[in-house]
């Protein structure tokens, strides 16, 4: 797999240890927790600043997502993205077998 930073140094690996998998999952969990804290703080800002909340609502309704897009929006240089609306979403069962710890070793 290739990333934005160049070729993946792990592309030719044939074995990944369980410890590596758990370490990577912990990294992901930490990032998710950090993002949750940041969003809660941002939500507090929106609650305390109605002007910011109004601008943020207009930005997200126009399809904005990133900090860079928000700066363009504030500068009047943002090109709105059509926001697709999903009606009804449902989960479909998967008949594919699940991986076990034994299979990861």
N, C-alpha and C. Protein backbone atom coordinates (compact mmCIF):
# COMPACT_ATOMS: atom_id res chain seq x y z
N UNK A 1 0.84 -1.17 0.00
CA UNK A 1 0.00 0.00 0.00
C UNK A 1 0.88 1.24 0.00
N UNK A 2 0.44 2.26 -0.67
CA UNK A 2 1.19 3.51 -0.78
C UNK A 2 0.50 4.58 0.04
N UNK A 3 1.28 5.39 0.72
CA UNK A 3 0.70 6.49 1.48
C UNK A 3 1.05 7.80 0.81
N UNK A 4 0.57 8.88 1.39
CA UNK A 4 0.86 10.20 0.85
C UNK A 4 2.33 10.56 1.02
N UNK A 5 3.03 9.83 1.87
CA UNK A 5 4.44 10.13 2.15
C UNK A 5 5.40 9.32 1.31
N UNK A 6 4.92 8.53 0.39
CA UNK A 6 5.80 7.75 -0.46
C UNK A 6 5.51 6.27 -0.33
N UNK A 7 6.41 5.43 -0.85
CA UNK A 7 6.19 3.99 -0.82
C UNK A 7 6.16 3.47 0.62
N UNK A 8 5.37 2.47 0.82
CA UNK A 8 5.23 1.85 2.14
C UNK A 8 6.41 0.92 2.40
N UNK A 9 7.19 1.17 3.47
CA UNK A 9 8.34 0.31 3.75
C UNK A 9 7.93 -1.10 4.17
N UNK A 10 6.66 -1.29 4.53
CA UNK A 10 6.18 -2.60 4.96
C UNK A 10 5.49 -3.37 3.84
N UNK A 11 5.56 -2.89 2.62
CA UNK A 11 4.81 -3.48 1.52
C UNK A 11 5.17 -4.94 1.26
N UNK A 12 6.40 -5.33 1.46
CA UNK A 12 6.83 -6.69 1.15
C UNK A 12 6.89 -7.60 2.37
N UNK A 13 6.33 -7.17 3.48
CA UNK A 13 6.34 -8.00 4.68
C UNK A 13 5.44 -9.21 4.49
N UNK A 14 5.85 -10.32 5.04
CA UNK A 14 5.03 -11.52 4.94
C UNK A 14 4.43 -11.91 6.28
N UNK A 15 4.87 -11.26 7.35
CA UNK A 15 4.37 -11.62 8.68
C UNK A 15 4.21 -10.38 9.54
N UNK A 16 3.08 -10.28 10.19
CA UNK A 16 2.81 -9.21 11.14
C UNK A 16 2.45 -9.88 12.46
N UNK A 17 3.12 -9.49 13.52
CA UNK A 17 2.90 -10.15 14.81
C UNK A 17 1.63 -9.63 15.48
N UNK A 18 1.11 -10.42 16.40
CA UNK A 18 -0.06 -10.02 17.18
C UNK A 18 0.27 -8.76 17.98
N UNK A 19 1.48 -8.68 18.51
CA UNK A 19 1.89 -7.51 19.28
C UNK A 19 1.84 -6.24 18.41
N UNK A 20 2.24 -6.35 17.15
CA UNK A 20 2.20 -5.21 16.25
C UNK A 20 0.75 -4.78 15.98
N UNK A 21 -0.12 -5.76 15.82
CA UNK A 21 -1.53 -5.47 15.58
C UNK A 21 -2.12 -4.75 16.79
N UNK A 22 -1.86 -5.26 17.99
CA UNK A 22 -2.38 -4.62 19.19
C UNK A 22 -1.81 -3.22 19.37
N UNK A 23 -0.52 -3.03 19.07
CA UNK A 23 0.09 -1.70 19.17
C UNK A 23 -0.59 -0.72 18.22
N UNK A 24 -0.83 -1.16 16.99
CA UNK A 24 -1.46 -0.29 16.00
C UNK A 24 -2.90 0.03 16.41
N UNK A 25 -3.61 -0.95 16.95
CA UNK A 25 -4.98 -0.70 17.40
C UNK A 25 -5.00 0.29 18.57
N UNK A 26 -4.03 0.18 19.47
CA UNK A 26 -3.93 1.14 20.58
C UNK A 26 -3.67 2.55 20.06
N UNK A 27 -2.83 2.67 19.04
CA UNK A 27 -2.58 3.98 18.43
C UNK A 27 -3.89 4.57 17.89
N UNK A 28 -4.66 3.74 17.21
CA UNK A 28 -5.94 4.19 16.64
C UNK A 28 -6.89 4.60 17.75
N UNK A 29 -6.96 3.81 18.83
CA UNK A 29 -7.84 4.14 19.95
C UNK A 29 -7.44 5.47 20.59
N UNK A 30 -6.14 5.70 20.72
CA UNK A 30 -5.66 6.95 21.30
C UNK A 30 -6.05 8.13 20.42
N UNK A 31 -5.89 7.98 19.11
CA UNK A 31 -6.27 9.05 18.18
C UNK A 31 -7.77 9.32 18.26
N UNK A 32 -8.57 8.28 18.33
CA UNK A 32 -10.02 8.46 18.43
C UNK A 32 -10.39 9.19 19.71
N UNK A 33 -9.75 8.84 20.83
CA UNK A 33 -10.03 9.51 22.10
C UNK A 33 -9.63 10.98 22.03
N UNK A 34 -8.48 11.27 21.42
CA UNK A 34 -8.04 12.66 21.26
C UNK A 34 -9.02 13.45 20.41
N UNK A 35 -9.49 12.84 19.33
CA UNK A 35 -10.46 13.51 18.46
C UNK A 35 -11.77 13.77 19.20
N UNK A 36 -12.22 12.81 20.00
CA UNK A 36 -13.45 12.98 20.76
C UNK A 36 -13.32 14.16 21.72
N UNK A 37 -12.18 14.25 22.42
CA UNK A 37 -11.97 15.37 23.34
C UNK A 37 -11.96 16.70 22.58
N UNK A 38 -11.31 16.72 21.42
CA UNK A 38 -11.25 17.95 20.63
C UNK A 38 -12.64 18.36 20.15
N UNK A 39 -13.44 17.39 19.69
CA UNK A 39 -14.80 17.71 19.23
C UNK A 39 -15.67 18.21 20.37
N UNK A 40 -15.51 17.63 21.56
CA UNK A 40 -16.29 18.10 22.71
C UNK A 40 -15.91 19.54 23.06
N UNK A 41 -14.63 19.84 23.02
CA UNK A 41 -14.18 21.21 23.29
C UNK A 41 -14.71 22.16 22.22
N UNK A 42 -14.67 21.73 20.96
CA UNK A 42 -15.18 22.56 19.87
C UNK A 42 -16.69 22.79 20.04
N UNK A 43 -17.41 21.75 20.44
CA UNK A 43 -18.85 21.89 20.67
C UNK A 43 -19.12 22.90 21.78
N UNK A 44 -18.29 22.91 22.81
CA UNK A 44 -18.42 23.91 23.87
C UNK A 44 -18.21 25.32 23.31
N UNK A 45 -17.23 25.46 22.42
CA UNK A 45 -16.99 26.76 21.78
C UNK A 45 -18.23 27.19 21.00
N UNK A 46 -18.82 26.24 20.26
CA UNK A 46 -20.01 26.57 19.47
C UNK A 46 -21.16 26.98 20.37
N UNK A 47 -21.30 26.32 21.52
CA UNK A 47 -22.36 26.67 22.46
C UNK A 47 -22.15 28.07 23.04
N UNK A 48 -20.90 28.46 23.23
CA UNK A 48 -20.60 29.74 23.84
C UNK A 48 -20.45 30.90 22.87
N UNK A 49 -20.41 30.60 21.59
CA UNK A 49 -20.22 31.66 20.59
C UNK A 49 -21.22 31.47 19.45
N UNK A 50 -22.40 32.08 19.56
CA UNK A 50 -23.43 31.90 18.54
C UNK A 50 -23.00 32.32 17.13
N UNK A 51 -22.12 33.34 17.04
CA UNK A 51 -21.66 33.77 15.72
C UNK A 51 -20.83 32.66 15.06
N UNK A 52 -19.96 32.05 15.85
CA UNK A 52 -19.15 30.94 15.34
C UNK A 52 -20.05 29.78 14.95
N UNK A 53 -21.05 29.48 15.77
CA UNK A 53 -21.97 28.38 15.48
C UNK A 53 -22.70 28.62 14.16
N UNK A 54 -23.10 29.86 13.92
CA UNK A 54 -23.81 30.19 12.68
C UNK A 54 -22.91 30.00 11.46
N UNK A 55 -21.67 30.48 11.56
CA UNK A 55 -20.72 30.33 10.45
C UNK A 55 -20.40 28.85 10.24
N UNK A 56 -20.20 28.11 11.33
CA UNK A 56 -19.87 26.69 11.24
C UNK A 56 -21.01 25.92 10.58
N UNK A 57 -22.24 26.24 10.94
CA UNK A 57 -23.40 25.56 10.35
C UNK A 57 -23.46 25.83 8.85
N UNK A 58 -23.24 27.06 8.45
CA UNK A 58 -23.25 27.38 7.01
C UNK A 58 -22.14 26.63 6.29
N UNK A 59 -20.97 26.58 6.91
CA UNK A 59 -19.82 25.88 6.33
C UNK A 59 -20.10 24.40 6.13
N UNK A 60 -20.60 23.74 7.16
CA UNK A 60 -20.85 22.30 7.06
C UNK A 60 -22.02 22.00 6.11
N UNK A 61 -23.02 22.87 6.07
CA UNK A 61 -24.12 22.66 5.12
C UNK A 61 -23.66 22.81 3.68
N UNK A 62 -22.59 23.57 3.48
CA UNK A 62 -22.02 23.74 2.14
C UNK A 62 -21.09 22.58 1.78
N UNK A 63 -20.92 21.65 2.71
CA UNK A 63 -20.08 20.48 2.44
C UNK A 63 -18.65 20.59 2.93
N UNK A 64 -18.37 21.61 3.71
CA UNK A 64 -17.01 21.78 4.22
C UNK A 64 -16.66 20.76 5.28
N UNK A 65 -15.38 20.35 5.27
CA UNK A 65 -14.92 19.33 6.21
C UNK A 65 -13.62 19.67 6.91
N UNK A 66 -12.68 20.26 6.20
CA UNK A 66 -11.33 20.39 6.73
C UNK A 66 -11.05 21.82 7.21
N UNK A 67 -9.97 21.94 7.99
CA UNK A 67 -9.55 23.25 8.47
C UNK A 67 -9.18 24.16 7.31
N UNK A 68 -8.52 23.61 6.31
CA UNK A 68 -8.15 24.40 5.13
C UNK A 68 -9.39 24.91 4.41
N UNK A 69 -10.38 24.05 4.26
CA UNK A 69 -11.64 24.46 3.62
C UNK A 69 -12.32 25.55 4.45
N UNK A 70 -12.25 25.44 5.77
CA UNK A 70 -12.86 26.45 6.63
C UNK A 70 -12.18 27.81 6.45
N UNK A 71 -10.86 27.81 6.34
CA UNK A 71 -10.14 29.07 6.11
C UNK A 71 -10.54 29.66 4.75
N UNK A 72 -10.67 28.82 3.72
CA UNK A 72 -11.12 29.31 2.42
C UNK A 72 -12.54 29.86 2.51
N UNK A 73 -13.37 29.18 3.30
CA UNK A 73 -14.76 29.62 3.50
C UNK A 73 -14.78 31.01 4.13
N UNK A 74 -13.95 31.21 5.16
CA UNK A 74 -13.89 32.51 5.82
C UNK A 74 -13.36 33.59 4.89
N UNK A 75 -12.47 33.21 3.97
CA UNK A 75 -11.90 34.16 3.00
C UNK A 75 -12.79 34.37 1.78
N UNK A 76 -13.91 33.64 1.72
CA UNK A 76 -14.81 33.75 0.58
C UNK A 76 -14.32 33.02 -0.65
N UNK A 77 -13.38 32.10 -0.49
CA UNK A 77 -12.80 31.37 -1.63
C UNK A 77 -13.20 29.90 -1.64
N UNK A 78 -14.20 29.54 -0.87
CA UNK A 78 -14.61 28.13 -0.75
C UNK A 78 -15.59 27.78 -1.85
N UNK A 79 -15.35 26.63 -2.50
CA UNK A 79 -16.29 26.11 -3.49
C UNK A 79 -17.15 25.06 -2.80
N UNK A 80 -18.44 25.30 -2.67
CA UNK A 80 -19.30 24.34 -1.98
C UNK A 80 -19.30 22.96 -2.64
N UNK A 81 -19.37 21.95 -1.81
CA UNK A 81 -19.48 20.56 -2.28
C UNK A 81 -20.92 20.12 -2.10
N UNK A 82 -21.51 19.49 -3.09
CA UNK A 82 -22.86 18.98 -2.87
C UNK A 82 -22.85 17.92 -1.77
N UNK A 83 -23.72 18.06 -0.81
CA UNK A 83 -23.80 17.12 0.30
C UNK A 83 -24.88 16.11 -0.03
N UNK A 84 -24.48 14.85 -0.12
CA UNK A 84 -25.45 13.80 -0.46
C UNK A 84 -26.24 13.43 0.79
N UNK A 85 -27.52 13.29 0.61
CA UNK A 85 -28.39 12.88 1.69
C UNK A 85 -28.73 11.41 1.53
N UNK A 86 -28.57 10.66 2.58
CA UNK A 86 -28.92 9.25 2.55
C UNK A 86 -30.27 9.08 3.22
N UNK A 87 -31.15 8.39 2.57
CA UNK A 87 -32.45 8.15 3.15
C UNK A 87 -32.37 7.11 4.25
N UNK A 88 -32.44 5.87 3.87
CA UNK A 88 -32.46 4.79 4.84
C UNK A 88 -31.22 3.93 4.66
N UNK A 89 -30.48 3.76 5.73
CA UNK A 89 -29.31 2.89 5.69
C UNK A 89 -29.62 1.65 6.52
N UNK A 90 -29.15 0.52 6.08
CA UNK A 90 -29.36 -0.70 6.86
C UNK A 90 -28.11 -1.55 6.81
N UNK A 91 -27.93 -2.33 7.83
CA UNK A 91 -26.80 -3.23 7.89
C UNK A 91 -27.18 -4.56 7.27
N UNK A 92 -26.27 -5.11 6.51
CA UNK A 92 -26.50 -6.42 5.91
C UNK A 92 -25.58 -7.43 6.58
N UNK A 93 -26.08 -8.60 6.90
CA UNK A 93 -25.21 -9.59 7.53
C UNK A 93 -24.15 -10.09 6.55
N UNK A 94 -23.01 -10.40 7.10
CA UNK A 94 -21.92 -10.93 6.29
C UNK A 94 -21.73 -12.40 6.65
N UNK A 95 -21.65 -13.23 5.63
CA UNK A 95 -21.44 -14.66 5.87
C UNK A 95 -19.96 -15.03 5.84
N UNK A 96 -19.10 -14.01 5.73
CA UNK A 96 -17.66 -14.27 5.71
C UNK A 96 -17.19 -14.64 7.12
N UNK A 97 -16.29 -15.63 7.21
CA UNK A 97 -15.81 -16.02 8.54
C UNK A 97 -14.96 -14.92 9.16
N UNK A 98 -14.98 -14.84 10.48
CA UNK A 98 -14.19 -13.85 11.21
C UNK A 98 -12.81 -14.42 11.49
N UNK A 99 -11.83 -13.52 11.59
CA UNK A 99 -10.48 -13.94 11.96
C UNK A 99 -10.42 -14.18 13.46
N UNK A 100 -9.69 -15.19 13.83
CA UNK A 100 -9.48 -15.45 15.26
C UNK A 100 -8.07 -15.08 15.63
N UNK A 101 -7.79 -15.01 16.93
CA UNK A 101 -6.43 -14.71 17.39
C UNK A 101 -5.45 -15.75 16.87
N UNK A 102 -5.88 -16.99 16.84
CA UNK A 102 -5.02 -18.08 16.38
C UNK A 102 -4.60 -17.86 14.94
N UNK A 103 -5.51 -17.34 14.10
CA UNK A 103 -5.20 -17.11 12.69
C UNK A 103 -4.23 -15.94 12.51
N UNK A 104 -4.18 -15.02 13.47
CA UNK A 104 -3.29 -13.87 13.37
C UNK A 104 -1.85 -14.22 13.72
N UNK A 105 -1.62 -15.31 14.40
CA UNK A 105 -0.27 -15.66 14.84
C UNK A 105 0.55 -16.25 13.75
